[in-house]
Amino acid sequence: MTTQSPPSTDGPLVLLWSDDLDASVEAVRQAGGTVTDGPYEFPGGRRFHFHDPAGNELGVWSTT
């Protein structure tokens, strides 16, 4: 999340929370991000992973 070094996927995965996971998927795409995994169900809810336009990997989860 900085321009001082190139993006990497070998660090911690930051997970963001959403009230509406499907709307978040669309918002990520509209903002230029790329969904790389999911949405999928996991114990406790649903989530997806994406790369932001700079290449950073993030995740979003929801309890529904």
PDB file of N, CA and C in Angstrom:
ATOM      1  N   MET A   1       0.810  -1.180   0.000  1.00  0.00           N
ATOM      2  CA  MET A   1       0.000   0.000   0.000  1.00  0.00           C
ATOM      3  C   MET A   1       0.863   1.258   0.000  1.00  0.00           C
ATOM      4  N   THR A   2       2.016   1.108  -0.586  1.00  0.00           N
ATOM      5  CA  THR A   2       2.914   2.241  -0.736  1.00  0.00           C
ATOM      6  C   THR A   2       3.578   2.137  -2.099  1.00  0.00           C
ATOM      7  N   THR A   3       4.002   3.240  -2.629  1.00  0.00           N
ATOM      8  CA  THR A   3       4.675   3.237  -3.924  1.00  0.00           C
ATOM      9  C   THR A   3       6.179   3.096  -3.792  1.00  0.00           C
ATOM     10  N   GLN A   4       6.701   2.905  -2.570  1.00  0.00           N
ATOM     11  CA  GLN A   4       8.133   2.808  -2.359  1.00  0.00           C
ATOM     12  C   GLN A   4       8.712   1.453  -2.723  1.00  0.00           C
ATOM     13  N   SER A   5       7.862   0.431  -2.856  1.00  0.00           N
ATOM     14  CA  SER A   5       8.333  -0.886  -3.276  1.00  0.00           C
ATOM     15  C   SER A   5       7.233  -1.548  -4.104  1.00  0.00           C
ATOM     16  N   PRO A   6       7.598  -2.492  -4.946  1.00  0.00           N
ATOM     17  CA  PRO A   6       6.583  -3.148  -5.760  1.00  0.00           C
ATOM     18  C   PRO A   6       5.639  -3.994  -4.906  1.00  0.00           C
ATOM     19  N   PRO A   7       4.384  -4.175  -5.346  1.00  0.00           N
ATOM     20  CA  PRO A   7       3.442  -5.006  -4.596  1.00  0.00           C
ATOM     21  C   PRO A   7       3.946  -6.432  -4.460  1.00  0.00           C
ATOM     22  N   SER A   8       3.542  -7.072  -3.368  1.00  0.00           N
ATOM     23  CA  SER A   8       3.957  -8.439  -3.110  1.00  0.00           C
ATOM     24  C   SER A   8       2.803  -9.199  -2.475  1.00  0.00           C
ATOM     25  N   THR A   9       2.757 -10.509  -2.677  1.00  0.00           N
ATOM     26  CA  THR A   9       1.719 -11.330  -2.053  1.00  0.00           C
ATOM     27  C   THR A   9       2.303 -12.222  -0.967  1.00  0.00           C
ATOM     28  N   ASP A  10       3.532 -11.958  -0.534  1.00  0.00           N
ATOM     29  CA  ASP A  10       4.147 -12.817   0.473  1.00  0.00           C
ATOM     30  C   ASP A  10       4.001 -12.275   1.899  1.00  0.00           C
ATOM     31  N   GLY A  11       3.261 -11.196   2.086  1.00  0.00           N
ATOM     32  CA  GLY A  11       3.040 -10.639   3.414  1.00  0.00           C
ATOM     33  C   GLY A  11       1.679 -11.049   3.963  1.00  0.00           C
ATOM     34  N   PRO A  12       1.253 -10.412   5.038  1.00  0.00           N
ATOM     35  CA  PRO A  12      -0.053 -10.741   5.610  1.00  0.00           C
ATOM     36  C   PRO A  12      -1.180 -10.322   4.668  1.00  0.00           C
ATOM     37  N   LEU A  13      -2.261 -11.074   4.703  1.00  0.00           N
ATOM     38  CA  LEU A  13      -3.439 -10.751   3.909  1.00  0.00           C
ATOM     39  C   LEU A  13      -4.366  -9.898   4.761  1.00  0.00           C
ATOM     40  N   VAL A  14      -4.581  -8.663   4.353  1.00  0.00           N
ATOM     41  CA  VAL A  14      -5.481  -7.764   5.056  1.00  0.00           C
ATOM     42  C   VAL A  14      -6.904  -8.086   4.622  1.00  0.00           C
ATOM     43  N   LEU A  15      -7.781  -8.360   5.602  1.00  0.00           N
ATOM     44  CA  LEU A  15      -9.184  -8.635   5.323  1.00  0.00           C
ATOM     45  C   LEU A  15     -10.031  -7.451   5.775  1.00  0.00           C
ATOM     46  N   LEU A  16     -10.887  -7.006   4.887  1.00  0.00           N
ATOM     47  CA  LEU A  16     -11.834  -5.936   5.167  1.00  0.00           C
ATOM     48  C   LEU A  16     -13.209  -6.559   5.378  1.00  0.00           C
ATOM     49  N   TRP A  17     -14.084  -5.909   6.127  1.00  0.00           N
ATOM     50  CA  TRP A  17     -15.420  -6.436   6.382  1.00  0.00           C
ATOM     51  C   TRP A  17     -16.441  -5.665   5.574  1.00  0.00           C
ATOM     52  N   SER A  18     -17.499  -6.362   5.134  1.00  0.00           N
ATOM     53  CA  SER A  18     -18.543  -5.748   4.324  1.00  0.00           C
ATOM     54  C   SER A  18     -19.923  -6.192   4.791  1.00  0.00           C
ATOM     55  N   ASP A  19     -20.871  -5.277   4.761  1.00  0.00           N
ATOM     56  CA  ASP A  19     -22.282  -5.611   5.011  1.00  0.00           C
ATOM     57  C   ASP A  19     -22.889  -6.353   3.827  1.00  0.00           C
ATOM     58  N   ASP A  20     -22.381  -6.073   2.628  1.00  0.00           N
ATOM     59  CA  ASP A  20     -22.941  -6.636   1.393  1.00  0.00           C
ATOM     60  C   ASP A  20     -21.796  -7.088   0.495  1.00  0.00           C
ATOM     61  N   LEU A  21     -21.449  -8.358   0.588  1.00  0.00           N
ATOM     62  CA  LEU A  21     -20.282  -8.873  -0.116  1.00  0.00           C
ATOM     63  C   LEU A  21     -20.423  -8.742  -1.633  1.00  0.00           C
ATOM     64  N   ASP A  22     -21.608  -9.042  -2.162  1.00  0.00           N
ATOM     65  CA  ASP A  22     -21.795  -8.958  -3.608  1.00  0.00           C
ATOM     66  C   ASP A  22     -21.646  -7.526  -4.115  1.00  0.00           C
ATOM     67  N   ALA A  23     -22.129  -6.556  -3.350  1.00  0.00           N
ATOM     68  CA  ALA A  23     -21.940  -5.155  -3.728  1.00  0.00           C
ATOM     69  C   ALA A  23     -20.464  -4.773  -3.652  1.00  0.00           C
ATOM     70  N   SER A  24     -19.747  -5.346  -2.699  1.00  0.00           N
ATOM     71  CA  SER A  24     -18.313  -5.067  -2.588  1.00  0.00           C
ATOM     72  C   SER A  24     -17.536  -5.626  -3.771  1.00  0.00           C
ATOM     73  N   VAL A  25     -17.921  -6.808  -4.244  1.00  0.00           N
ATOM     74  CA  VAL A  25     -17.287  -7.372  -5.451  1.00  0.00           C
ATOM     75  C   VAL A  25     -17.441  -6.396  -6.607  1.00  0.00           C
ATOM     76  N   GLU A  26     -18.647  -5.894  -6.798  1.00  0.00           N
ATOM     77  CA  GLU A  26     -18.897  -4.954  -7.902  1.00  0.00           C
ATOM     78  C   GLU A  26     -18.133  -3.648  -7.702  1.00  0.00           C
ATOM     79  N   ALA A  27     -18.067  -3.165  -6.468  1.00  0.00           N
ATOM     80  CA  ALA A  27     -17.332  -1.926  -6.195  1.00  0.00           C
ATOM     81  C   ALA A  27     -15.844  -2.085  -6.491  1.00  0.00           C
ATOM     82  N   VAL A  28     -15.278  -3.239  -6.140  1.00  0.00           N
ATOM     83  CA  VAL A  28     -13.873  -3.509  -6.441  1.00  0.00           C
ATOM     84  C   VAL A  28     -13.645  -3.472  -7.954  1.00  0.00           C
ATOM     85  N   ARG A  29     -14.507  -4.143  -8.689  1.00  0.00           N
ATOM     86  CA  ARG A  29     -14.371  -4.163 -10.156  1.00  0.00           C
ATOM     87  C   ARG A  29     -14.525  -2.766 -10.757  1.00  0.00           C
ATOM     88  N   GLN A  30     -15.503  -2.008 -10.273  1.00  0.00           N
ATOM     89  CA  GLN A  30     -15.727  -0.643 -10.782  1.00  0.00           C
ATOM     90  C   GLN A  30     -14.536   0.274 -10.490  1.00  0.00           C
ATOM     91  N   ALA A  31     -13.829  -0.006  -9.390  1.00  0.00           N
ATOM     92  CA  ALA A  31     -12.676   0.817  -9.012  1.00  0.00           C
ATOM     93  C   ALA A  31     -11.386   0.375  -9.702  1.00  0.00           C
ATOM     94  N   GLY A  32     -11.467  -0.656 -10.554  1.00  0.00           N
ATOM     95  CA  GLY A  32     -10.285  -1.099 -11.289  1.00  0.00           C
ATOM     96  C   GLY A  32      -9.560  -2.269 -10.666  1.00  0.00           C
ATOM     97  N   GLY A  33     -10.129  -2.858  -9.607  1.00  0.00           N
ATOM     98  CA  GLY A  33      -9.525  -4.034  -8.993  1.00  0.00           C
ATOM     99  C   GLY A  33      -9.880  -5.298  -9.753  1.00  0.00           C
ATOM    100  N   THR A  34      -9.174  -6.385  -9.447  1.00  0.00           N
ATOM    101  CA  THR A  34      -9.396  -7.679 -10.085  1.00  0.00           C
ATOM    102  C   THR A  34      -9.676  -8.725  -9.019  1.00  0.00           C
ATOM    103  N   VAL A  35     -10.872  -9.311  -9.066  1.00  0.00           N
ATOM    104  CA  VAL A  35     -11.215 -10.374  -8.123  1.00  0.00           C
ATOM    105  C   VAL A  35     -10.426 -11.617  -8.517  1.00  0.00           C
ATOM    106  N   THR A  36      -9.682 -12.174  -7.580  1.00  0.00           N
ATOM    107  CA  THR A  36      -8.806 -13.312  -7.874  1.00  0.00           C
ATOM    108  C   THR A  36      -9.295 -14.626  -7.273  1.00  0.00           C
ATOM    109  N   ASP A  37     -10.211 -14.557  -6.297  1.00  0.00           N
ATOM    110  CA  ASP A  37     -10.691 -15.773  -5.648  1.00  0.00           C
ATOM    111  C   ASP A  37     -12.046 -15.491  -5.012  1.00  0.00           C
ATOM    112  N   GLY A  38     -13.050 -16.270  -5.402  1.00  0.00           N
ATOM    113  CA  GLY A  38     -14.363 -16.161  -4.787  1.00  0.00           C
ATOM    114  C   GLY A  38     -15.295 -15.238  -5.529  1.00  0.00           C
ATOM    115  N   PRO A  39     -16.358 -14.885  -4.848  1.00  0.00           N
ATOM    116  CA  PRO A  39     -16.704 -15.142  -3.468  1.00  0.00           C
ATOM    117  C   PRO A  39     -16.938 -16.631  -3.195  1.00  0.00           C
ATOM    118  N   TYR A  40     -16.577 -17.029  -1.980  1.00  0.00           N
ATOM    119  CA  TYR A  40     -16.762 -18.415  -1.564  1.00  0.00           C
ATOM    120  C   TYR A  40     -17.169 -18.442  -0.097  1.00  0.00           C
ATOM    121  N   GLU A  41     -17.792 -19.546   0.300  1.00  0.00           N
ATOM    122  CA  GLU A  41     -18.207 -19.710   1.683  1.00  0.00           C
ATOM    123  C   GLU A  41     -17.056 -20.311   2.492  1.00  0.00           C
ATOM    124  N   PHE A  42     -16.961 -19.886   3.737  1.00  0.00           N
ATOM    125  CA  PHE A  42     -16.013 -20.456   4.678  1.00  0.00           C
ATOM    126  C   PHE A  42     -16.700 -20.461   6.039  1.00  0.00           C
ATOM    127  N   PRO A  43     -16.211 -21.201   7.017  1.00  0.00           N
ATOM    128  CA  PRO A  43     -16.866 -21.228   8.326  1.00  0.00           C
ATOM    129  C   PRO A  43     -17.000 -19.809   8.898  1.00  0.00           C
ATOM    130  N   GLY A  44     -18.211 -19.356   9.068  1.00  0.00           N
ATOM    131  CA  GLY A  44     -18.448 -18.020   9.593  1.00  0.00           C
ATOM    132  C   GLY A  44     -18.949 -17.018   8.582  1.00  0.00           C
ATOM    133  N   GLY A  45     -19.002 -17.379   7.302  1.00  0.00           N
ATOM    134  CA  GLY A  45     -19.498 -16.422   6.317  1.00  0.00           C
ATOM    135  C   GLY A  45     -19.021 -16.680   4.908  1.00  0.00           C
ATOM    136  N   ARG A  46     -18.804 -15.579   4.188  1.00  0.00           N
ATOM    137  CA  ARG A  46     -18.328 -15.629   2.797  1.00  0.00           C
ATOM    138  C   ARG A  46     -17.210 -14.610   2.646  1.00  0.00           C
ATOM    139  N   ARG A  47     -16.346 -14.835   1.658  1.00  0.00           N
ATOM    140  CA  ARG A  47     -15.285 -13.867   1.390  1.00  0.00           C
ATOM    141  C   ARG A  47     -14.791 -13.974  -0.038  1.00  0.00           C
ATOM    142  N   PHE A  48     -14.013 -12.980  -0.440  1.00  0.00           N
ATOM    143  CA  PHE A  48     -13.315 -12.999  -1.723  1.00  0.00           C
ATOM    144  C   PHE A  48     -11.990 -12.274  -1.571  1.00  0.00           C
ATOM    145  N   HIS A  49     -11.079 -12.553  -2.488  1.00  0.00           N
ATOM    146  CA  HIS A  49      -9.770 -11.898  -2.528  1.00  0.00           C
ATOM    147  C   HIS A  49      -9.690 -11.109  -3.828  1.00  0.00           C
ATOM    148  N   PHE A  50      -8.916 -10.045  -3.798  1.00  0.00           N
ATOM    149  CA  PHE A  50      -8.739  -9.236  -5.007  1.00  0.00           C
ATOM    150  C   PHE A  50      -7.389  -8.540  -4.985  1.00  0.00           C
ATOM    151  N   HIS A  51      -6.977  -8.088  -6.171  1.00  0.00           N
ATOM    152  CA  HIS A  51      -5.809  -7.228  -6.312  1.00  0.00           C
ATOM    153  C   HIS A  51      -6.318  -5.833  -6.619  1.00  0.00           C
ATOM    154  N   ASP A  52      -5.812  -4.851  -5.910  1.00  0.00           N
ATOM    155  CA  ASP A  52      -6.182  -3.469  -6.218  1.00  0.00           C
ATOM    156  C   ASP A  52      -5.435  -3.039  -7.485  1.00  0.00           C
ATOM    157  N   PRO A  53      -5.740  -1.867  -8.032  1.00  0.00           N
ATOM    158  CA  PRO A  53      -5.077  -1.457  -9.280  1.00  0.00           C
ATOM    159  C   PRO A  53      -3.553  -1.402  -9.191  1.00  0.00           C
ATOM    160  N   ALA A  54      -2.999  -1.261  -7.977  1.00  0.00           N
ATOM    161  CA  ALA A  54      -1.540  -1.227  -7.821  1.00  0.00           C
ATOM    162  C   ALA A  54      -0.950  -2.621  -7.683  1.00  0.00           C
ATOM    163  N   GLY A  55      -1.814  -3.666  -7.565  1.00  0.00           N
ATOM    164  CA  GLY A  55      -1.324  -5.030  -7.467  1.00  0.00           C
ATOM    165  C   GLY A  55      -1.298  -5.606  -6.061  1.00  0.00           C
ATOM    166  N   ASN A  56      -1.708  -4.829  -5.056  1.00  0.00           N
ATOM    167  CA  ASN A  56      -1.762  -5.334  -3.681  1.00  0.00           C
ATOM    168  C   ASN A  56      -2.907  -6.314  -3.527  1.00  0.00           C
ATOM    169  N   GLU A  57      -2.700  -7.394  -2.776  1.00  0.00           N
ATOM    170  CA  GLU A  57      -3.747  -8.378  -2.545  1.00  0.00           C
ATOM    171  C   GLU A  57      -4.452  -8.083  -1.225  1.00  0.00           C
ATOM    172  N   LEU A  58      -5.791  -8.080  -1.280  1.00  0.00           N
ATOM    173  CA  LEU A  58      -6.631  -7.835  -0.112  1.00  0.00           C
ATOM    174  C   LEU A  58      -7.782  -8.828  -0.140  1.00  0.00           C
ATOM    175  N   GLY A  59      -8.500  -8.931   0.960  1.00  0.00           N
ATOM    176  CA  GLY A  59      -9.676  -9.774   1.024  1.00  0.00           C
ATOM    177  C   GLY A  59     -10.824  -9.030   1.670  1.00  0.00           C
ATOM    178  N   VAL A  60     -12.025  -9.477   1.383  1.00  0.00           N
ATOM    179  CA  VAL A  60     -13.236  -8.909   1.988  1.00  0.00           C
ATOM    180  C   VAL A  60     -14.079 -10.066   2.480  1.00  0.00           C
ATOM    181  N   TRP A  61     -14.639  -9.932   3.695  1.00  0.00           N
ATOM    182  CA  TRP A  61     -15.470 -11.007   4.238  1.00  0.00           C
ATOM    183  C   TRP A  61     -16.764 -10.430   4.793  1.00  0.00           C
ATOM    184  N   SER A  62     -17.751 -11.299   4.913  1.00  0.00           N
ATOM    185  CA  SER A  62     -19.053 -10.956   5.449  1.00  0.00           C
ATOM    186  C   SER A  62     -19.610 -12.165   6.183  1.00  0.00           C
ATOM    187  N   THR A  63     -20.446 -11.911   7.168  1.00  0.00           N
ATOM    188  CA  THR A  63     -21.055 -13.015   7.898  1.00  0.00           C
ATOM    189  C   THR A  63     -22.244 -13.597   7.152  1.00  0.00           C
ATOM    190  N   THR A  64     -22.715 -12.931   6.107  1.00  0.00           N
ATOM    191  CA  THR A  64     -23.862 -13.430   5.336  1.00  0.00           C
ATOM    192  C   THR A  64     -23.497 -13.673   3.890  1.00  0.00           C
TER     193      THR A  64
END
